[in-house]
Amino acid sequence: MKAIQVMFEETLIKKLDETAEAKEKGRSAVLRRLTDEYLRKLHQEDIARRYSSAYGDEKGLGESFEGWEDQGRWPSE
């Protein structure tokens, strides 16, 4: 791990220090977890944005795939 310096308002540090997780695991552990969650959320949002950009225009698969829409469906009995 690498140590970094981060600036927080005193009131925010006090509130963080009062949490059970910070008391049990320490500030650094809480901030690492929150940073990881934040980055995962950004990644998921990026995937959703890219997916929507690629497939969200309601034009289907385009002319080159016309007629193939039903090929991935399970046959009815």
Protein backbone atom coordinates (compact mmCIF):
# COMPACT_ATOMS: atom_id res chain seq x y z
CA MET A 1 0.00 0.00 0.00
CA LYS A 2 1.01 3.58 -0.45
CA ALA A 3 0.35 6.40 2.02
CA ILE A 4 -1.39 9.50 0.65
CA GLN A 5 -2.43 12.80 2.15
CA VAL A 6 -6.10 13.79 1.93
CA MET A 7 -7.67 16.96 3.30
CA PHE A 8 -11.03 16.79 5.14
CA GLU A 9 -13.01 19.30 7.16
CA GLU A 10 -12.71 18.70 10.91
CA THR A 11 -16.47 18.08 11.24
CA LEU A 12 -16.35 15.39 8.56
CA ILE A 13 -13.41 13.65 10.23
CA LYS A 14 -15.21 13.76 13.56
CA LYS A 15 -18.34 12.18 12.05
CA LEU A 16 -16.24 9.50 10.37
CA ASP A 17 -14.39 8.73 13.57
CA GLU A 18 -17.70 8.26 15.40
CA THR A 19 -18.82 5.43 13.10
CA ALA A 20 -18.57 1.85 14.30
CA GLU A 21 -16.62 0.75 11.23
CA ALA A 22 -13.99 3.48 11.66
CA LYS A 23 -13.66 2.64 15.36
CA GLU A 24 -13.24 -1.05 14.58
CA LYS A 25 -11.13 -0.94 11.40
CA GLY A 26 -9.75 2.60 11.25
CA ARG A 27 -10.24 5.57 8.94
CA SER A 28 -7.99 4.19 6.21
CA ALA A 29 -9.94 0.95 5.92
CA VAL A 30 -13.22 2.84 5.64
CA LEU A 31 -11.85 5.23 3.03
CA ARG A 32 -10.35 2.34 1.03
CA ARG A 33 -13.71 0.53 1.04
CA LEU A 34 -15.60 3.66 0.02
CA THR A 35 -13.13 4.43 -2.75
CA ASP A 36 -13.43 0.88 -4.06
CA GLU A 37 -17.24 1.11 -4.02
CA TYR A 38 -17.12 4.47 -5.80
CA LEU A 39 -14.82 3.17 -8.54
CA ARG A 40 -16.94 0.04 -9.02
CA LYS A 41 -20.04 2.22 -9.33
CA LEU A 42 -18.33 4.41 -11.94
CA HIS A 43 -17.29 1.30 -13.86
CA GLN A 44 -20.83 -0.09 -13.83
CA GLU A 45 -22.24 3.26 -14.95
CA ASP A 46 -19.68 3.37 -17.77
CA ILE A 47 -20.68 -0.14 -18.89
CA ALA A 48 -24.37 0.83 -18.79
CA ARG A 49 -23.67 4.01 -20.77
CA ARG A 50 -21.69 2.11 -23.41
CA TYR A 51 -24.33 -0.61 -23.64
CA SER A 52 -27.08 1.98 -24.03
CA SER A 53 -25.05 3.81 -26.65
CA ALA A 54 -24.50 0.62 -28.62
CA TYR A 55 -27.92 -0.99 -28.29
CA GLY A 56 -30.35 1.62 -27.03
CA ASP A 57 -31.45 3.27 -30.27
CA GLU A 58 -34.39 0.88 -30.91
CA LYS A 59 -33.15 0.27 -34.47
CA GLY A 60 -32.56 -3.36 -33.71
CA LEU A 61 -29.46 -5.04 -35.05
CA GLY A 62 -29.40 -3.16 -38.34
CA GLU A 63 -29.90 -4.21 -41.94
CA SER A 64 -26.97 -6.63 -42.00
CA PHE A 65 -28.73 -8.81 -39.39
CA GLU A 66 -32.27 -8.40 -40.73
CA GLY A 67 -34.22 -11.65 -40.58
CA TRP A 68 -32.04 -13.17 -37.84
CA GLU A 69 -34.01 -11.78 -34.87
CA ASP A 70 -35.71 -15.09 -34.06
CA GLN A 71 -32.64 -17.30 -34.41
CA GLY A 72 -31.70 -17.04 -30.72
CA ARG A 73 -35.15 -17.98 -29.44
CA TRP A 74 -36.01 -21.37 -28.01
CA PRO A 75 -38.46 -23.19 -30.30
CA SER A 76 -42.00 -23.38 -28.98
CA GLU A 77 -43.33 -26.85 -28.21
